[in-house]
N, C-alpha and C. Protein backbone atom coordinates (compact mmCIF):
# COMPACT_ATOMS: atom_id res chain seq x y z
N UNK A 1 95.00 103.56 123.16
CA UNK A 1 96.24 104.35 122.44
C UNK A 1 97.01 104.91 124.14
N UNK A 2 98.32 104.19 123.86
CA UNK A 2 99.17 104.93 125.08
C UNK A 2 99.32 106.42 125.22
N UNK A 3 99.62 106.55 126.19
CA UNK A 3 99.88 108.44 127.15
C UNK A 3 100.75 108.81 126.13
N UNK A 4 102.01 107.54 125.50
CA UNK A 4 103.05 108.36 124.68
C UNK A 4 102.89 108.45 123.55
N UNK A 5 102.09 108.10 123.19
CA UNK A 5 101.67 108.06 121.08
C UNK A 5 100.60 109.19 121.58
N UNK A 6 99.24 108.85 122.65
CA UNK A 6 98.99 110.30 121.94
C UNK A 6 99.58 111.99 122.40
N UNK A 7 100.69 111.56 123.36
CA UNK A 7 101.44 113.10 123.12
C UNK A 7 102.18 113.04 122.12
N UNK A 8 102.65 112.13 121.02
CA UNK A 8 103.52 112.45 120.47
C UNK A 8 102.48 112.55 119.08
N UNK A 9 101.40 112.01 119.13
CA UNK A 9 99.95 112.44 117.44
C UNK A 9 100.16 114.12 117.69
N UNK A 10 99.52 114.49 119.37
CA UNK A 10 98.68 116.11 119.40
C UNK A 10 100.18 116.92 118.90
N UNK A 11 101.80 116.74 119.08
CA UNK A 11 102.78 117.45 118.82
C UNK A 11 102.66 117.18 117.30
N UNK A 12 102.54 115.86 116.71
CA UNK A 12 102.80 115.87 115.24
C UNK A 12 101.53 116.63 114.29
N UNK A 13 100.43 116.73 115.04
CA UNK A 13 99.38 117.21 114.50
C UNK A 13 99.34 119.06 114.82
N UNK A 14 100.33 119.07 115.22
CA UNK A 14 100.17 120.67 115.93
C UNK A 14 101.01 120.93 114.42
N UNK A 15 101.97 120.50 114.58
CA UNK A 15 102.90 120.57 112.98
C UNK A 15 102.41 120.22 112.02
N UNK A 16 101.08 119.40 111.59
CA UNK A 16 100.45 119.62 110.33
C UNK A 16 99.80 120.83 110.23
N UNK A 17 99.35 121.92 111.51
CA UNK A 17 98.46 122.94 111.46
C UNK A 17 99.28 123.74 110.57
N UNK A 18 100.37 124.00 111.76
CA UNK A 18 101.52 124.48 111.25
C UNK A 18 102.07 124.78 109.56
N UNK A 19 101.86 123.14 109.39
CA UNK A 19 102.30 123.34 107.79
C UNK A 19 101.81 123.79 106.77
N UNK A 20 100.54 124.00 107.42
CA UNK A 20 98.98 123.65 106.58
C UNK A 20 99.18 122.87 105.37
N UNK A 21 99.27 121.19 105.37
CA UNK A 21 100.01 120.31 104.24
C UNK A 21 98.55 119.95 103.09
N UNK A 22 98.94 120.38 102.51
CA UNK A 22 97.83 119.75 100.95
C UNK A 22 98.08 118.12 100.80
N UNK A 23 97.00 117.69 100.23
CA UNK A 23 98.00 116.52 99.54
C UNK A 23 97.80 116.67 98.02
N UNK A 24 96.24 117.19 97.44
CA UNK A 24 95.97 117.44 96.25
C UNK A 24 96.68 117.88 95.42
N UNK A 25 97.98 118.38 95.24
CA UNK A 25 98.62 118.49 94.21
C UNK A 25 99.47 117.17 93.53
N UNK A 26 99.56 116.45 94.45
CA UNK A 26 100.30 115.31 94.35
C UNK A 26 99.54 114.24 93.63
N UNK A 27 97.62 114.57 93.29
CA UNK A 27 97.04 113.64 92.49
C UNK A 27 97.40 114.03 91.47
N UNK A 28 97.72 114.72 90.71
CA UNK A 28 97.57 115.80 89.55
C UNK A 28 99.25 115.51 89.15
N UNK A 29 100.63 115.09 89.32
CA UNK A 29 101.27 114.59 89.02
C UNK A 29 101.30 113.34 88.77
N UNK A 30 102.71 112.81 87.37
CA UNK A 30 103.26 111.91 87.16
C UNK A 30 104.52 112.02 87.18
N UNK A 31 105.46 111.15 88.12
CA UNK A 31 106.73 111.41 88.35
C UNK A 31 107.31 110.11 87.73
N UNK A 32 108.73 109.80 88.23
CA UNK A 32 109.07 108.83 86.71
C UNK A 32 109.54 108.00 88.11
N UNK A 33 109.51 106.20 87.95
CA UNK A 33 109.92 105.52 88.69
C UNK A 33 111.33 104.86 88.69
N UNK A 34 111.97 103.90 89.03
CA UNK A 34 113.10 103.65 89.63
C UNK A 34 113.47 103.04 88.52
N UNK A 35 112.11 102.63 87.16
CA UNK A 35 112.91 101.63 86.40
C UNK A 35 113.23 102.86 85.22
N UNK A 36 112.19 103.97 85.56
CA UNK A 36 112.86 105.31 84.54
C UNK A 36 111.55 104.77 83.67
N UNK A 37 110.17 104.77 84.44
CA UNK A 37 109.26 104.87 83.32
C UNK A 37 108.33 105.90 84.43
N UNK A 38 106.85 106.00 84.04
CA UNK A 38 106.27 107.08 84.34
C UNK A 38 105.43 106.41 85.19
N UNK A 39 105.56 107.33 86.56
CA UNK A 39 104.32 106.80 87.99
C UNK A 39 102.82 107.85 88.18
N UNK A 40 102.42 107.46 87.76
CA UNK A 40 101.08 108.37 87.89
C UNK A 40 100.69 108.43 89.84
N UNK A 41 100.92 109.55 90.04
CA UNK A 41 100.49 108.86 91.45
C UNK A 41 99.31 108.86 92.08
N UNK A 42 98.31 109.18 91.26
CA UNK A 42 96.97 109.31 91.19
C UNK A 42 96.62 107.49 91.84
N UNK A 43 97.79 106.64 91.06
CA UNK A 43 97.44 105.30 91.66
C UNK A 43 97.12 105.36 93.26
N UNK A 44 97.77 105.91 93.90
CA UNK A 44 98.16 105.78 95.55
C UNK A 44 96.67 107.12 96.28
N UNK A 45 95.43 106.60 95.59
CA UNK A 45 94.40 107.49 96.33
C UNK A 45 94.28 107.00 96.56
N UNK A 46 92.84 107.40 97.91
CA UNK A 46 91.94 106.17 98.39
C UNK A 46 92.57 105.32 99.26
N UNK A 47 94.25 105.13 99.53
CA UNK A 47 94.38 104.13 100.62
C UNK A 47 95.27 105.10 101.77
N UNK A 48 95.52 105.14 102.93
CA UNK A 48 96.10 105.60 103.75
C UNK A 48 97.83 105.38 103.32
N UNK A 49 97.95 106.97 103.60
CA UNK A 49 99.52 107.01 102.64
C UNK A 49 100.77 108.14 103.37
N UNK A 50 101.65 107.46 103.08
CA UNK A 50 102.58 108.41 103.93
C UNK A 50 104.13 108.91 102.96
N UNK A 51 103.62 110.10 102.37
CA UNK A 51 104.16 110.71 101.68
C UNK A 51 105.62 111.30 102.39
N UNK A 52 107.37 110.72 101.50
CA UNK A 52 108.13 111.01 102.10
C UNK A 52 109.20 111.96 101.24
N UNK A 53 109.26 113.33 101.54
CA UNK A 53 110.34 113.50 100.64
C UNK A 53 111.81 113.66 101.27
N UNK A 54 112.42 113.10 100.34
CA UNK A 54 114.23 113.15 100.83
C UNK A 54 114.96 113.02 99.45
N UNK A 55 116.16 113.28 100.09
CA UNK A 55 117.22 113.09 98.92
C UNK A 55 118.96 112.03 99.51
N UNK A 56 119.23 111.98 98.76
CA UNK A 56 120.60 110.89 99.15
C UNK A 56 121.25 111.83 100.23
N UNK A 57 121.51 112.85 99.66
CA UNK A 57 122.50 113.81 100.48
C UNK A 57 122.04 114.41 101.49
N UNK A 58 121.07 113.93 102.03
CA UNK A 58 120.69 114.70 103.11
C UNK A 58 120.43 113.97 104.05
N UNK A 59 120.85 113.92 104.82
CA UNK A 59 121.82 112.99 106.12
C UNK A 59 120.12 113.21 107.26
N UNK A 60 119.53 113.97 107.39
CA UNK A 60 118.21 113.71 108.55
C UNK A 60 117.22 112.93 107.57
N UNK A 61 117.29 112.65 106.30
CA UNK A 61 116.76 111.83 105.13
C UNK A 61 117.09 110.33 106.05
N UNK A 62 118.46 110.28 105.40
CA UNK A 62 118.71 109.20 105.12
C UNK A 62 118.43 108.47 106.94
N UNK A 63 118.87 109.25 107.91
CA UNK A 63 118.47 108.76 109.70
C UNK A 63 116.92 108.24 109.27
N UNK A 64 116.05 108.67 108.74
CA UNK A 64 114.60 108.16 109.26
C UNK A 64 114.27 107.27 108.24
N UNK A 65 114.94 107.12 107.23
CA UNK A 65 114.73 106.03 106.53
C UNK A 65 114.49 104.91 106.74
N UNK A 66 114.98 104.38 107.41
CA UNK A 66 115.01 103.09 107.58
C UNK A 66 113.60 103.35 109.13
N UNK A 67 113.32 104.10 110.01
CA UNK A 67 111.74 103.93 110.28
C UNK A 67 111.16 103.79 109.43
N UNK A 68 111.10 104.72 108.71
CA UNK A 68 110.28 104.06 107.77
C UNK A 68 109.41 102.83 107.28
N UNK A 69 111.14 102.16 106.48
CA UNK A 69 111.01 100.82 106.26
C UNK A 69 110.37 99.83 107.37
N UNK A 70 111.02 99.45 108.75
CA UNK A 70 110.42 99.73 109.99
C UNK A 70 108.44 99.34 109.87
N UNK A 71 108.31 100.68 109.93
CA UNK A 71 106.93 100.70 110.25
C UNK A 71 105.86 100.60 108.88
N UNK A 72 106.45 100.94 107.42
CA UNK A 72 105.70 100.08 106.46
C UNK A 72 105.57 98.92 106.62
N UNK A 73 106.71 97.52 107.22
CA UNK A 73 106.66 96.37 107.45
C UNK A 73 105.79 96.00 108.18
N UNK A 74 105.65 96.88 109.55
CA UNK A 74 104.86 96.54 110.29
C UNK A 74 103.25 96.88 109.89
N UNK A 75 103.11 98.39 109.46
CA UNK A 75 101.61 98.55 109.19
C UNK A 75 101.14 98.02 107.19
N UNK A 76 101.55 97.61 106.62
CA UNK A 76 101.20 97.05 105.62
C UNK A 76 100.23 96.36 105.33
N UNK A 77 99.96 95.52 106.32
CA UNK A 77 98.51 94.50 105.82
C UNK A 77 98.13 94.89 106.24
N UNK A 78 97.98 96.10 107.36
CA UNK A 78 96.45 97.20 107.98
C UNK A 78 95.93 98.13 106.42
N UNK A 79 96.97 97.86 105.47
CA UNK A 79 96.56 98.91 103.65
C UNK A 79 97.49 99.99 104.00
N UNK A 80 98.51 100.11 104.84
CA UNK A 80 99.26 101.40 105.14
C UNK A 80 100.22 101.13 103.97
N UNK A 81 100.61 102.36 103.32
CA UNK A 81 101.26 102.35 102.13
C UNK A 81 102.25 103.75 102.20
N UNK A 82 103.78 103.92 102.00
CA UNK A 82 104.61 104.67 102.06
C UNK A 82 105.24 104.90 100.33
N UNK A 83 105.18 105.98 99.95
CA UNK A 83 105.55 106.66 98.91
C UNK A 83 106.85 107.55 99.63
N UNK A 84 108.79 106.98 98.61
CA UNK A 84 109.71 108.16 98.31
C UNK A 84 109.35 108.64 97.27
N UNK A 85 110.11 109.92 97.77
CA UNK A 85 109.79 110.73 96.58
C UNK A 85 111.30 111.29 96.56
N UNK A 86 112.11 110.75 95.79
CA UNK A 86 113.43 112.11 95.45
C UNK A 86 113.34 113.05 94.93
N UNK A 87 114.55 113.82 95.54
CA UNK A 87 114.69 114.80 94.99
C UNK A 87 115.46 114.34 93.69
N UNK A 88 115.46 113.96 93.06
CA UNK A 88 116.95 114.05 92.55
C UNK A 88 116.04 113.43 90.90
N UNK A 89 117.04 113.49 89.63
CA UNK A 89 116.67 113.40 88.59
C UNK A 89 117.19 112.09 87.96
N UNK A 90 118.24 111.08 88.47
CA UNK A 90 119.14 110.29 87.76
C UNK A 90 118.73 108.68 88.70
N UNK A 91 117.64 108.14 87.85
CA UNK A 91 117.43 106.75 88.64
C UNK A 91 118.71 105.64 89.08
N UNK A 92 119.16 105.32 88.54
CA UNK A 92 120.54 104.42 88.93
C UNK A 92 120.87 105.18 90.31
N UNK A 93 121.53 105.95 90.32
CA UNK A 93 122.11 106.43 91.83
C UNK A 93 120.77 106.49 92.98
N UNK A 94 119.83 106.80 93.09
CA UNK A 94 118.59 106.39 93.41
C UNK A 94 118.39 104.78 93.76
N UNK A 95 118.28 103.93 92.73
CA UNK A 95 118.13 102.97 92.14
C UNK A 95 119.24 101.66 94.12
N UNK A 96 120.12 102.22 93.58
CA UNK A 96 120.92 101.82 94.20
C UNK A 96 121.58 101.67 95.61
N UNK A 97 120.59 103.03 95.92
CA UNK A 97 120.61 103.97 97.40
C UNK A 97 119.43 103.46 98.25
N UNK A 98 118.28 103.19 97.62
CA UNK A 98 117.15 102.24 97.68
C UNK A 98 117.22 100.81 98.25
N UNK A 99 118.49 100.06 97.40
CA UNK A 99 118.62 99.27 97.59
C UNK A 99 119.86 98.70 98.91
N UNK A 100 120.67 99.54 99.05
CA UNK A 100 121.65 99.92 100.14
C UNK A 100 120.61 99.84 101.39
N UNK A 101 119.61 100.52 101.82
CA UNK A 101 118.80 100.85 102.45
C UNK A 101 117.91 100.21 102.74
N UNK A 102 118.04 99.07 101.47
CA UNK A 102 116.56 97.92 101.75
C UNK A 102 115.17 98.80 101.84
N UNK A 103 115.17 99.84 101.06
CA UNK A 103 113.83 100.66 101.17
C UNK A 103 112.15 99.31 100.29
N UNK A 104 111.71 98.91 101.58
CA UNK A 104 110.25 98.06 100.70
C UNK A 104 108.86 98.69 100.28
N UNK A 105 109.61 100.29 100.42
CA UNK A 105 107.93 101.09 99.62
C UNK A 105 108.51 100.87 98.11
N UNK A 106 107.65 102.41 97.23
CA UNK A 106 107.73 102.23 96.07
C UNK A 106 108.17 103.83 96.30
N UNK A 107 109.52 103.70 95.54
CA UNK A 107 110.35 105.49 95.51
C UNK A 107 110.29 105.72 94.09
N UNK A 108 110.18 107.47 93.56
CA UNK A 108 109.98 108.16 92.53
C UNK A 108 110.61 109.05 92.62
N UNK A 109 111.54 109.47 91.30
CA UNK A 109 111.94 110.87 90.90
C UNK A 109 110.99 111.83 90.83
N UNK A 110 111.22 112.93 91.55
CA UNK A 110 110.55 114.04 91.19
C UNK A 110 111.28 115.12 90.62
N UNK A 111 112.90 115.11 90.16
CA UNK A 111 113.43 115.72 89.82
C UNK A 111 113.37 117.41 89.61
N UNK A 112 112.98 118.14 88.83
CA UNK A 112 112.75 119.54 88.92
C UNK A 112 111.33 119.88 89.79
N UNK A 113 110.33 119.44 89.13
CA UNK A 113 108.95 119.47 89.88
C UNK A 113 109.17 119.07 91.76
N UNK A 114 110.16 118.05 92.24
CA UNK A 114 110.28 118.09 93.59
C UNK A 114 109.64 119.20 94.45
N UNK A 115 110.77 120.44 94.20
CA UNK A 115 110.60 122.09 95.35
C UNK A 115 109.03 122.76 94.78
N UNK A 116 108.83 122.35 93.56
CA UNK A 116 107.67 123.02 93.67
C UNK A 116 106.69 121.99 93.85
N UNK A 117 106.12 121.19 93.95
CA UNK A 117 105.28 119.77 94.15
C UNK A 117 105.99 120.32 96.61
N UNK A 118 106.76 120.13 97.00
CA UNK A 118 106.75 120.50 98.17
C UNK A 118 106.04 121.04 98.57
N UNK A 119 106.51 122.82 98.01
CA UNK A 119 105.78 123.57 98.49
C UNK A 119 103.94 124.00 97.98
N UNK A 120 103.75 123.31 96.97
CA UNK A 120 102.01 123.11 96.59
C UNK A 120 101.59 122.27 97.85
N UNK A 121 102.63 121.61 98.75
CA UNK A 121 102.12 120.87 99.78
C UNK A 121 101.95 121.11 100.98
N UNK A 122 101.92 122.51 100.97
CA UNK A 122 102.61 123.12 102.72
C UNK A 122 103.94 123.60 102.52
N UNK A 123 104.59 123.05 101.99
CA UNK A 123 106.20 123.32 102.53
C UNK A 123 106.77 124.39 101.93
N UNK A 124 106.55 125.54 102.76
CA UNK A 124 106.57 126.22 101.77
C UNK A 124 108.69 126.71 101.56
N UNK A 125 109.23 125.89 103.00
CA UNK A 125 110.59 126.21 103.13
C UNK A 125 111.19 125.62 101.89
N UNK A 126 110.51 124.82 101.36
CA UNK A 126 111.11 123.80 100.50
C UNK A 126 112.02 122.54 101.06
N UNK A 127 111.89 122.44 102.35
CA UNK A 127 113.16 121.86 103.32
C UNK A 127 113.09 120.22 103.04
N UNK A 128 113.87 119.32 103.95
CA UNK A 128 114.36 118.08 103.66
C UNK A 128 114.40 117.72 105.11
N UNK A 129 114.16 116.73 105.53
CA UNK A 129 112.85 115.80 104.82
C UNK A 129 111.38 116.33 104.89
N UNK A 130 110.48 116.23 103.71
CA UNK A 130 109.42 116.37 104.44
C UNK A 130 108.33 115.04 104.18
N UNK A 131 107.12 114.87 104.96
CA UNK A 131 106.74 114.24 105.22
C UNK A 131 104.91 114.56 105.20
N UNK A 132 104.02 114.35 104.64
CA UNK A 132 102.61 114.42 104.79
C UNK A 132 102.29 112.86 104.49
N UNK A 133 101.08 112.78 106.28
CA UNK A 133 100.38 111.02 105.92
C UNK A 133 98.72 111.70 105.42
N UNK A 134 98.19 110.53 104.69
CA UNK A 134 96.51 111.28 104.75
C UNK A 134 96.02 110.01 104.80
N UNK A 135 94.29 110.03 105.30
CA UNK A 135 93.87 108.61 105.58
C UNK A 135 93.53 108.62 104.23
N UNK A 136 92.33 107.54 104.33
CA UNK A 136 91.93 106.74 103.03
C UNK A 136 90.44 107.74 102.46
N UNK A 137 90.04 109.08 103.17
CA UNK A 137 89.40 109.85 102.65
C UNK A 137 90.55 111.16 101.94
N UNK A 138 91.42 110.99 101.55
CA UNK A 138 92.15 112.15 101.39
C UNK A 138 92.57 113.17 102.06
N UNK A 139 92.10 112.88 103.77
CA UNK A 139 92.50 114.27 104.54
C UNK A 139 93.92 114.24 105.41
N UNK A 140 94.46 115.02 105.38
CA UNK A 140 95.64 115.13 105.99
C UNK A 140 95.43 115.15 107.12
N UNK A 141 96.37 114.12 107.99
CA UNK A 141 96.36 113.57 109.19
C UNK A 141 97.22 113.96 110.43
N UNK A 142 98.44 114.41 108.97
CA UNK A 142 99.90 114.30 110.31
C UNK A 142 100.91 115.28 108.42
N UNK A 143 101.62 116.15 108.97
CA UNK A 143 103.06 116.21 107.98
C UNK A 143 103.96 117.27 109.13
N UNK A 144 105.22 117.29 108.18
CA UNK A 144 106.10 117.48 109.64
C UNK A 144 107.38 117.97 108.39
N UNK A 145 108.17 118.45 108.42
CA UNK A 145 109.08 119.26 108.06
C UNK A 145 110.36 118.92 108.91
N UNK A 146 110.92 118.28 108.48
CA UNK A 146 112.56 117.34 109.78
C UNK A 146 112.08 115.98 109.81
N UNK A 147 113.08 115.79 110.14
CA UNK A 147 113.49 114.46 110.24
C UNK A 147 112.24 114.23 111.41
N UNK A 148 111.55 112.84 111.21
CA UNK A 148 110.60 112.05 112.11
C UNK A 148 110.81 111.07 112.53
N UNK A 149 110.79 110.33 114.07
CA UNK A 149 111.15 109.46 114.82
C UNK A 149 110.08 108.90 114.49
N UNK A 150 110.81 106.94 114.95
CA UNK A 150 109.97 105.39 115.04
C UNK A 150 108.89 105.84 115.30
N UNK A 151 108.20 106.77 116.47
CA UNK A 151 107.60 106.66 117.32
C UNK A 151 106.31 107.65 116.97
N UNK A 152 106.72 108.92 116.67
CA UNK A 152 105.97 110.14 115.74
C UNK A 152 105.56 109.00 114.50
N UNK A 153 106.02 108.56 113.45
CA UNK A 153 105.99 107.57 112.65
C UNK A 153 104.68 106.50 112.86
N UNK A 154 104.79 106.03 113.64
CA UNK A 154 103.95 104.70 114.41
C UNK A 154 102.82 105.45 114.58
N UNK A 155 102.71 106.84 115.04
CA UNK A 155 101.30 107.67 115.49
C UNK A 155 100.94 108.01 115.03
N UNK A 156 101.48 108.39 113.84
CA UNK A 156 100.64 109.18 112.63
C UNK A 156 100.22 107.93 111.67
N UNK A 157 100.39 107.07 111.24
CA UNK A 157 100.71 106.09 110.72
C UNK A 157 99.00 104.88 111.57
N UNK A 158 98.75 105.72 112.73
CA UNK A 158 97.59 105.04 113.61
C UNK A 158 97.05 105.57 113.43
N UNK A 159 97.24 107.20 113.23
CA UNK A 159 95.97 108.12 112.85
C UNK A 159 95.31 108.23 111.56
N UNK A 160 95.82 107.26 110.67
CA UNK A 160 96.28 107.59 109.43
C UNK A 160 94.91 105.96 109.05
N UNK A 161 95.29 105.09 110.48
CA UNK A 161 93.89 103.56 109.70
C UNK A 161 93.21 103.66 110.22
N UNK A 162 93.13 104.79 111.15
CA UNK A 162 91.61 104.99 112.12
C UNK A 162 90.27 105.08 110.78
């Protein structure tokens, strides 16, 4: 691991401790896919996973999405998955947004459940964007309230894949 990645990971992990992030509340949820069908979040359990809460109107969210797209492409072959949870309730506009941003990972809608789910997962402020990253055993290895930079995303993905 390079010195830069190690420093970013240390800073990122410190953010995780401050957030007191948890993943368990996610597994109990069934959210809505872009096809308006239910998606049981339990299906993502047992694999390295980045859960990114966002909204179309959130500028920092829009800024970090291309970095998640690139990182997912780079790490998918190693088993890393990303799930975008839109704090929205209409699939059509979110699907159009996902296509325009060339999102290459599953996107689900949380609608009214989104704020409560973020809070249950450790984001007491309910701010966006909010990301939680877990390893195969379901341990939170990183979390962040606020936008992530590409190097932070990659460092967290590497930690999740260990």
